[in-house]
Amino acid sequence: MSYSSVTDIIELLAGLAVQYNSAVVPVQRLTSQSNWSDAAQLPVRIIPVLGGLRLVEGGVYTPTRATRAVWEIDDLLLVRDVGMGRGVADTATALTDYIEDYVARLRFAWLARGDVQLVNVSGIIDVVRYGERAYEGVTTTTRFAHLIRAPST
């Protein structure tokens, strides 16, 4: 998969109008985050996070002998600083609704991509450490596969 194809998937994910508490969450990209964490307008999504873009599997897809790459991209939702309110239990219902909305929107957005296979998506409600701070939020991981090219012989 070329870099532009990975970038296309990141843009597809960033373009999802996912809602938290009935409002679409704005997206910050890694390249636009200089010193933002001290004055972050929460909630916010961050994609991809540093270390959140991984090639997890590569090899030869046997039926066609094409090269296959499997990637994972992490998408963070940061809701509020830890210690504000009663903890994650305070926001668990809204965070669960966010994950369900993410999966539903991804399903419909993915229909437009015929060249890349959505392997799975997972979400975890947790205390998310980002930079030097800890936030209540969600880490959503999208795993997708791409047949890079068929062999020439």
N, C-alpha and C. Protein backbone atom coordinates (compact mmCIF):
# COMPACT_ATOMS: atom_id res chain seq x y z
N MET A 1 0.85 -1.17 0.00
CA MET A 1 0.00 0.00 0.00
C MET A 1 0.89 1.22 0.00
N SER A 2 0.62 2.11 -0.86
CA SER A 2 1.46 3.30 -0.93
C SER A 2 1.12 4.26 0.20
N TYR A 3 2.03 5.20 0.44
CA TYR A 3 1.81 6.18 1.50
C TYR A 3 0.54 6.97 1.25
N SER A 4 0.29 7.31 -0.02
CA SER A 4 -0.92 8.08 -0.32
C SER A 4 -2.17 7.28 0.01
N SER A 5 -2.14 5.96 -0.17
CA SER A 5 -3.30 5.14 0.18
C SER A 5 -3.52 5.13 1.69
N VAL A 6 -2.45 5.05 2.47
CA VAL A 6 -2.57 5.10 3.93
C VAL A 6 -3.12 6.47 4.33
N THR A 7 -2.60 7.51 3.70
CA THR A 7 -3.09 8.86 3.97
C THR A 7 -4.57 8.98 3.62
N ASP A 8 -4.99 8.35 2.53
CA ASP A 8 -6.41 8.36 2.15
C ASP A 8 -7.27 7.73 3.24
N ILE A 9 -6.81 6.63 3.82
CA ILE A 9 -7.57 5.97 4.89
C ILE A 9 -7.62 6.86 6.13
N ILE A 10 -6.50 7.50 6.46
CA ILE A 10 -6.49 8.43 7.61
C ILE A 10 -7.51 9.54 7.37
N GLU A 11 -7.53 10.08 6.15
CA GLU A 11 -8.49 11.14 5.83
C GLU A 11 -9.92 10.62 5.88
N LEU A 12 -10.15 9.39 5.44
CA LEU A 12 -11.48 8.80 5.53
C LEU A 12 -11.93 8.73 6.98
N LEU A 13 -11.04 8.26 7.87
CA LEU A 13 -11.37 8.16 9.29
C LEU A 13 -11.58 9.54 9.90
N ALA A 14 -10.69 10.48 9.56
CA ALA A 14 -10.80 11.84 10.09
C ALA A 14 -12.09 12.51 9.63
N GLY A 15 -12.57 12.13 8.45
CA GLY A 15 -13.78 12.72 7.91
C GLY A 15 -15.08 12.17 8.49
N LEU A 16 -14.99 11.14 9.32
CA LEU A 16 -16.20 10.60 9.94
C LEU A 16 -16.79 11.64 10.90
N ALA A 17 -18.04 11.95 10.75
CA ALA A 17 -18.70 12.94 11.61
C ALA A 17 -19.23 12.24 12.86
N VAL A 18 -18.31 11.74 13.67
CA VAL A 18 -18.67 10.97 14.86
C VAL A 18 -19.11 11.93 15.96
N GLN A 19 -20.15 11.52 16.69
CA GLN A 19 -20.72 12.39 17.72
C GLN A 19 -20.44 11.88 19.12
N TYR A 20 -20.21 12.84 20.01
CA TYR A 20 -20.11 12.58 21.44
C TYR A 20 -21.08 13.56 22.10
N ASN A 21 -22.01 13.05 22.87
CA ASN A 21 -23.04 13.89 23.51
C ASN A 21 -23.77 14.75 22.48
N SER A 22 -24.14 14.16 21.36
CA SER A 22 -24.94 14.79 20.30
C SER A 22 -24.23 15.91 19.55
N ALA A 23 -22.92 15.99 19.66
CA ALA A 23 -22.16 17.00 18.92
C ALA A 23 -21.03 16.32 18.16
N VAL A 24 -20.80 16.75 16.92
CA VAL A 24 -19.70 16.19 16.13
C VAL A 24 -18.38 16.64 16.76
N VAL A 25 -17.48 15.68 16.94
CA VAL A 25 -16.21 15.95 17.60
C VAL A 25 -15.19 16.43 16.57
N PRO A 26 -14.55 17.59 16.82
CA PRO A 26 -13.53 18.08 15.89
C PRO A 26 -12.29 17.18 15.90
N VAL A 27 -11.56 17.20 14.79
CA VAL A 27 -10.39 16.33 14.61
C VAL A 27 -9.12 17.17 14.57
N GLN A 28 -8.11 16.71 15.29
CA GLN A 28 -6.76 17.29 15.20
C GLN A 28 -5.87 16.23 14.58
N ARG A 29 -5.03 16.65 13.65
CA ARG A 29 -4.07 15.74 13.06
C ARG A 29 -2.74 15.94 13.78
N LEU A 30 -1.92 14.92 13.75
CA LEU A 30 -0.64 14.95 14.45
C LEU A 30 0.19 16.17 14.04
N THR A 31 0.15 16.53 12.77
CA THR A 31 0.98 17.64 12.29
C THR A 31 0.48 19.01 12.74
N SER A 32 -0.74 19.09 13.24
CA SER A 32 -1.29 20.40 13.64
C SER A 32 -1.43 20.53 15.14
N GLN A 33 -0.63 19.80 15.91
CA GLN A 33 -0.82 19.77 17.36
C GLN A 33 0.27 20.43 18.18
N SER A 34 1.03 21.31 17.62
CA SER A 34 2.10 21.91 18.42
C SER A 34 1.53 22.64 19.63
N ASN A 35 1.92 22.18 20.79
CA ASN A 35 1.53 22.77 22.08
C ASN A 35 0.03 22.88 22.28
N TRP A 36 -0.74 22.08 21.57
CA TRP A 36 -2.19 22.20 21.69
C TRP A 36 -2.72 21.62 22.98
N SER A 37 -2.03 20.63 23.56
CA SER A 37 -2.61 19.89 24.69
C SER A 37 -2.84 20.75 25.92
N ASP A 38 -2.07 21.83 26.09
CA ASP A 38 -2.28 22.69 27.25
C ASP A 38 -3.54 23.53 27.13
N ALA A 39 -4.00 23.73 25.90
CA ALA A 39 -5.18 24.57 25.70
C ALA A 39 -6.21 23.85 24.82
N ALA A 40 -6.26 22.55 24.92
CA ALA A 40 -7.13 21.77 24.05
C ALA A 40 -8.60 22.10 24.32
N GLN A 41 -9.35 22.23 23.25
CA GLN A 41 -10.79 22.37 23.36
C GLN A 41 -11.36 20.97 23.34
N LEU A 42 -11.82 20.50 24.48
CA LEU A 42 -12.32 19.14 24.60
C LEU A 42 -13.82 19.11 24.44
N PRO A 43 -14.41 18.07 23.88
CA PRO A 43 -13.74 16.86 23.40
C PRO A 43 -13.05 17.12 22.05
N VAL A 44 -12.07 16.26 21.77
CA VAL A 44 -11.34 16.33 20.51
C VAL A 44 -10.92 14.93 20.10
N ARG A 45 -10.84 14.72 18.77
CA ARG A 45 -10.29 13.47 18.24
C ARG A 45 -8.90 13.76 17.72
N ILE A 46 -8.00 12.79 17.88
CA ILE A 46 -6.64 12.90 17.38
C ILE A 46 -6.37 11.69 16.49
N ILE A 47 -5.97 11.97 15.25
CA ILE A 47 -5.68 10.88 14.32
C ILE A 47 -4.61 11.33 13.33
N PRO A 48 -3.63 10.53 13.00
CA PRO A 48 -3.22 9.38 13.81
C PRO A 48 -2.40 9.89 14.98
N VAL A 49 -2.40 9.17 16.05
CA VAL A 49 -1.59 9.54 17.20
C VAL A 49 -0.16 9.08 16.96
N LEU A 50 0.77 9.68 17.66
CA LEU A 50 2.15 9.25 17.56
C LEU A 50 2.23 7.78 17.98
N GLY A 51 2.74 6.94 17.11
CA GLY A 51 2.76 5.51 17.38
C GLY A 51 1.46 4.81 17.05
N GLY A 52 0.51 5.55 16.50
CA GLY A 52 -0.81 5.00 16.23
C GLY A 52 -1.04 4.59 14.80
N LEU A 53 0.02 4.44 14.02
CA LEU A 53 -0.08 3.93 12.66
C LEU A 53 0.93 2.80 12.56
N ARG A 54 0.43 1.55 12.42
CA ARG A 54 1.31 0.39 12.48
C ARG A 54 1.04 -0.56 11.33
N LEU A 55 2.11 -1.04 10.71
CA LEU A 55 2.01 -2.18 9.79
C LEU A 55 2.12 -3.40 10.69
N VAL A 56 1.03 -4.16 10.80
CA VAL A 56 1.01 -5.27 11.75
C VAL A 56 1.24 -6.62 11.08
N GLU A 57 1.10 -6.65 9.76
CA GLU A 57 1.28 -7.92 9.06
C GLU A 57 1.57 -7.63 7.60
N GLY A 58 2.50 -8.34 7.06
CA GLY A 58 2.78 -8.23 5.63
C GLY A 58 3.13 -9.61 5.11
N GLY A 59 2.80 -9.87 3.89
CA GLY A 59 3.11 -11.19 3.36
C GLY A 59 2.51 -11.37 1.99
N VAL A 60 2.49 -12.61 1.56
CA VAL A 60 1.98 -12.95 0.24
C VAL A 60 0.60 -13.58 0.41
N TYR A 61 -0.36 -13.01 -0.28
CA TYR A 61 -1.72 -13.53 -0.29
C TYR A 61 -1.73 -14.70 -1.25
N THR A 62 -1.84 -15.92 -0.75
CA THR A 62 -1.61 -17.14 -1.52
C THR A 62 -2.45 -17.30 -2.79
N PRO A 63 -3.77 -17.08 -2.78
CA PRO A 63 -4.53 -17.35 -4.00
C PRO A 63 -4.04 -16.60 -5.24
N THR A 64 -3.59 -15.35 -5.06
CA THR A 64 -3.15 -14.56 -6.23
C THR A 64 -1.66 -14.28 -6.21
N ARG A 65 -0.97 -14.65 -5.15
CA ARG A 65 0.44 -14.35 -4.94
C ARG A 65 0.72 -12.84 -4.88
N ALA A 66 -0.30 -12.06 -4.57
CA ALA A 66 -0.13 -10.61 -4.41
C ALA A 66 0.40 -10.32 -3.01
N THR A 67 1.10 -9.22 -2.87
CA THR A 67 1.59 -8.80 -1.57
C THR A 67 0.44 -8.17 -0.79
N ARG A 68 0.29 -8.59 0.46
CA ARG A 68 -0.80 -8.10 1.31
C ARG A 68 -0.21 -7.41 2.52
N ALA A 69 -0.72 -6.23 2.83
CA ALA A 69 -0.29 -5.49 4.02
C ALA A 69 -1.51 -5.24 4.90
N VAL A 70 -1.34 -5.43 6.19
CA VAL A 70 -2.41 -5.15 7.15
C VAL A 70 -1.91 -4.03 8.07
N TRP A 71 -2.70 -2.96 8.12
CA TRP A 71 -2.36 -1.77 8.91
C TRP A 71 -3.35 -1.58 10.04
N GLU A 72 -2.89 -0.91 11.10
CA GLU A 72 -3.77 -0.44 12.18
C GLU A 72 -3.57 1.05 12.36
N ILE A 73 -4.68 1.74 12.55
CA ILE A 73 -4.64 3.18 12.83
C ILE A 73 -5.43 3.42 14.11
N ASP A 74 -4.82 4.12 15.06
CA ASP A 74 -5.51 4.50 16.29
C ASP A 74 -6.09 5.89 16.14
N ASP A 75 -7.28 6.06 16.67
CA ASP A 75 -8.01 7.32 16.65
C ASP A 75 -8.43 7.57 18.10
N LEU A 76 -7.94 8.64 18.71
CA LEU A 76 -8.25 8.92 20.10
C LEU A 76 -9.38 9.92 20.23
N LEU A 77 -10.24 9.69 21.19
CA LEU A 77 -11.22 10.67 21.62
C LEU A 77 -10.82 11.07 23.04
N LEU A 78 -10.53 12.34 23.23
CA LEU A 78 -10.21 12.86 24.55
C LEU A 78 -11.40 13.71 25.00
N VAL A 79 -11.98 13.37 26.15
CA VAL A 79 -13.21 14.02 26.60
C VAL A 79 -12.95 15.09 27.65
N ARG A 80 -12.20 14.73 28.68
CA ARG A 80 -11.88 15.69 29.74
C ARG A 80 -10.71 15.18 30.54
N ASP A 81 -10.06 16.09 31.25
CA ASP A 81 -8.94 15.71 32.10
C ASP A 81 -9.41 14.76 33.18
N VAL A 82 -8.57 13.79 33.51
CA VAL A 82 -8.88 12.89 34.61
C VAL A 82 -8.96 13.71 35.89
N GLY A 83 -9.91 13.39 36.73
CA GLY A 83 -10.07 14.10 37.99
C GLY A 83 -11.19 15.12 37.95
N MET A 84 -11.75 15.35 36.78
CA MET A 84 -12.88 16.27 36.67
C MET A 84 -14.15 15.42 36.64
N GLY A 85 -14.96 15.53 37.63
CA GLY A 85 -16.17 14.70 37.70
C GLY A 85 -15.89 13.45 38.51
N ARG A 86 -16.67 12.40 38.26
CA ARG A 86 -16.58 11.16 39.03
C ARG A 86 -15.77 10.08 38.34
N GLY A 87 -15.06 10.43 37.28
CA GLY A 87 -14.26 9.44 36.58
C GLY A 87 -14.97 8.92 35.35
N VAL A 88 -14.39 7.88 34.75
CA VAL A 88 -14.91 7.34 33.50
C VAL A 88 -16.35 6.85 33.66
N ALA A 89 -16.70 6.39 34.83
CA ALA A 89 -18.08 5.94 35.05
C ALA A 89 -19.08 7.06 34.78
N ASP A 90 -18.65 8.28 34.98
CA ASP A 90 -19.46 9.47 34.74
C ASP A 90 -19.81 9.63 33.25
N THR A 91 -18.90 9.19 32.39
CA THR A 91 -19.06 9.40 30.95
C THR A 91 -19.23 8.10 30.17
N ALA A 92 -19.31 6.98 30.86
CA ALA A 92 -19.32 5.66 30.19
C ALA A 92 -20.44 5.51 29.17
N THR A 93 -21.63 5.96 29.49
CA THR A 93 -22.74 5.80 28.54
C THR A 93 -22.49 6.60 27.27
N ALA A 94 -22.07 7.84 27.41
CA ALA A 94 -21.79 8.68 26.23
C ALA A 94 -20.61 8.12 25.44
N LEU A 95 -19.61 7.57 26.11
CA LEU A 95 -18.46 6.99 25.42
C LEU A 95 -18.85 5.72 24.66
N THR A 96 -19.73 4.93 25.26
CA THR A 96 -20.24 3.73 24.57
C THR A 96 -21.03 4.13 23.33
N ASP A 97 -21.87 5.14 23.46
CA ASP A 97 -22.62 5.64 22.31
C ASP A 97 -21.68 6.14 21.21
N TYR A 98 -20.57 6.79 21.62
CA TYR A 98 -19.57 7.28 20.66
C TYR A 98 -18.98 6.11 19.86
N ILE A 99 -18.61 5.03 20.55
CA ILE A 99 -18.03 3.87 19.86
C ILE A 99 -19.04 3.29 18.87
N GLU A 100 -20.28 3.16 19.28
CA GLU A 100 -21.30 2.62 18.38
C GLU A 100 -21.52 3.53 17.18
N ASP A 101 -21.50 4.83 17.39
CA ASP A 101 -21.65 5.78 16.29
C ASP A 101 -20.46 5.69 15.34
N TYR A 102 -19.26 5.54 15.90
CA TYR A 102 -18.04 5.42 15.10
C TYR A 102 -18.14 4.21 14.17
N VAL A 103 -18.52 3.07 14.73
CA VAL A 103 -18.62 1.83 13.94
C VAL A 103 -19.68 1.98 12.85
N ALA A 104 -20.81 2.55 13.17
CA ALA A 104 -21.88 2.72 12.19
C ALA A 104 -21.44 3.65 11.05
N ARG A 105 -20.80 4.74 11.38
CA ARG A 105 -20.34 5.69 10.34
C ARG A 105 -19.22 5.09 9.51
N LEU A 106 -18.34 4.34 10.14
CA LEU A 106 -17.25 3.69 9.41
C LEU A 106 -17.79 2.67 8.42
N ARG A 107 -18.79 1.95 8.83
CA ARG A 107 -19.39 0.93 7.96
C ARG A 107 -19.89 1.56 6.65
N PHE A 108 -20.59 2.67 6.75
CA PHE A 108 -21.12 3.31 5.55
C PHE A 108 -20.04 4.03 4.76
N ALA A 109 -19.05 4.61 5.41
CA ALA A 109 -17.96 5.28 4.71
C ALA A 109 -17.11 4.27 3.95
N TRP A 110 -16.96 3.07 4.52
CA TRP A 110 -16.09 2.07 3.92
C TRP A 110 -16.66 1.51 2.62
N LEU A 111 -17.96 1.60 2.43
CA LEU A 111 -18.58 1.10 1.21
C LEU A 111 -18.01 1.80 -0.03
N ALA A 112 -17.52 3.02 0.14
CA ALA A 112 -16.96 3.77 -0.98
C ALA A 112 -15.55 3.31 -1.34
N ARG A 113 -14.93 2.49 -0.51
CA ARG A 113 -13.56 2.02 -0.75
C ARG A 113 -13.60 0.57 -1.17
N GLY A 114 -13.41 0.29 -2.44
CA GLY A 114 -13.43 -1.08 -2.90
C GLY A 114 -12.07 -1.73 -2.91
N ASP A 115 -11.00 -0.94 -2.76
CA ASP A 115 -9.65 -1.46 -2.90
C ASP A 115 -9.03 -1.92 -1.58
N VAL A 116 -9.67 -1.63 -0.48
CA VAL A 116 -9.12 -1.91 0.84
C VAL A 116 -10.16 -2.66 1.65
N GLN A 117 -9.74 -3.73 2.32
CA GLN A 117 -10.65 -4.54 3.11
C GLN A 117 -10.61 -4.09 4.57
N LEU A 118 -11.76 -3.77 5.13
CA LEU A 118 -11.86 -3.47 6.56
C LEU A 118 -11.83 -4.80 7.30
N VAL A 119 -10.79 -5.02 8.09
CA VAL A 119 -10.65 -6.28 8.83
C VAL A 119 -11.49 -6.22 10.09
N ASN A 120 -11.29 -5.17 10.90
CA ASN A 120 -12.12 -4.97 12.08
C ASN A 120 -11.87 -3.59 12.66
N VAL A 121 -12.72 -3.23 13.60
CA VAL A 121 -12.55 -1.99 14.36
C VAL A 121 -12.84 -2.34 15.81
N SER A 122 -12.04 -1.78 16.70
CA SER A 122 -12.26 -2.03 18.12
C SER A 122 -12.17 -0.70 18.87
N GLY A 123 -12.83 -0.66 20.01
CA GLY A 123 -12.80 0.55 20.83
C GLY A 123 -12.68 0.19 22.29
N ILE A 124 -11.93 1.00 23.02
CA ILE A 124 -11.79 0.77 24.45
C ILE A 124 -11.99 2.10 25.18
N ILE A 125 -12.86 2.05 26.18
CA ILE A 125 -13.08 3.19 27.06
C ILE A 125 -12.04 3.10 28.16
N ASP A 126 -11.30 4.20 28.36
CA ASP A 126 -10.18 4.10 29.28
C ASP A 126 -9.72 5.49 29.69
N VAL A 127 -8.76 5.51 30.59
CA VAL A 127 -7.98 6.71 30.85
C VAL A 127 -6.89 6.72 29.79
N VAL A 128 -6.92 7.73 28.93
CA VAL A 128 -6.01 7.81 27.80
C VAL A 128 -4.89 8.78 28.16
N ARG A 129 -3.67 8.28 28.14
CA ARG A 129 -2.52 9.15 28.37
C ARG A 129 -2.06 9.69 27.04
N TYR A 130 -1.99 11.02 26.96
CA TYR A 130 -1.54 11.65 25.73
C TYR A 130 -0.68 12.84 26.10
N GLY A 131 0.54 12.85 25.59
CA GLY A 131 1.48 13.88 26.02
C GLY A 131 1.77 13.70 27.49
N GLU A 132 1.66 14.75 28.23
CA GLU A 132 1.94 14.68 29.66
C GLU A 132 0.68 14.64 30.50
N ARG A 133 -0.45 14.46 29.84
CA ARG A 133 -1.72 14.50 30.55
C ARG A 133 -2.46 13.18 30.43
N ALA A 134 -3.47 13.03 31.28
CA ALA A 134 -4.35 11.87 31.23
C ALA A 134 -5.78 12.38 31.06
N TYR A 135 -6.50 11.73 30.15
CA TYR A 135 -7.86 12.13 29.81
C TYR A 135 -8.80 10.93 29.91
N GLU A 136 -10.06 11.20 30.17
CA GLU A 136 -11.08 10.18 29.99
C GLU A 136 -11.38 10.16 28.50
N GLY A 137 -11.52 8.96 27.93
CA GLY A 137 -11.77 8.92 26.51
C GLY A 137 -11.85 7.52 25.95
N VAL A 138 -11.64 7.45 24.63
CA VAL A 138 -11.74 6.21 23.88
C VAL A 138 -10.56 6.10 22.93
N THR A 139 -10.01 4.90 22.82
CA THR A 139 -9.06 4.59 21.76
C THR A 139 -9.78 3.66 20.80
N THR A 140 -9.94 4.11 19.56
CA THR A 140 -10.57 3.30 18.52
C THR A 140 -9.48 2.88 17.56
N THR A 141 -9.39 1.58 17.29
CA THR A 141 -8.37 1.05 16.39
C THR A 141 -9.05 0.42 15.19
N THR A 142 -8.67 0.89 14.00
CA THR A 142 -9.19 0.34 12.75
C THR A 142 -8.09 -0.48 12.10
N ARG A 143 -8.40 -1.72 11.77
CA ARG A 143 -7.46 -2.61 11.09
C ARG A 143 -7.97 -2.86 9.68
N PHE A 144 -7.11 -2.63 8.70
CA PHE A 144 -7.51 -2.83 7.32
C PHE A 144 -6.39 -3.49 6.54
N ALA A 145 -6.77 -4.17 5.46
CA ALA A 145 -5.81 -4.90 4.63
C ALA A 145 -5.92 -4.41 3.19
N HIS A 146 -4.79 -4.51 2.50
CA HIS A 146 -4.72 -4.07 1.12
C HIS A 146 -3.84 -5.03 0.34
N LEU A 147 -4.35 -5.49 -0.81
CA LEU A 147 -3.52 -6.27 -1.71
C LEU A 147 -2.74 -5.25 -2.54
N ILE A 148 -1.44 -5.19 -2.33
CA ILE A 148 -0.62 -4.13 -2.90
C ILE A 148 -0.50 -4.24 -4.41
N ARG A 149 -0.07 -5.40 -4.90
CA ARG A 149 0.03 -5.57 -6.34
C ARG A 149 0.21 -7.05 -6.63
N ALA A 150 -0.25 -7.45 -7.78
CA ALA A 150 -0.08 -8.84 -8.22
C ALA A 150 1.32 -8.99 -8.78
N PRO A 151 1.92 -10.18 -8.66
CA PRO A 151 3.25 -10.40 -9.23
C PRO A 151 3.23 -10.30 -10.76
N SER A 152 4.37 -9.92 -11.31
CA SER A 152 4.42 -9.74 -12.75
C SER A 152 4.53 -11.05 -13.51
N THR A 153 4.87 -12.13 -12.86
CA THR A 153 4.97 -13.42 -13.56
C THR A 153 3.88 -14.36 -13.16
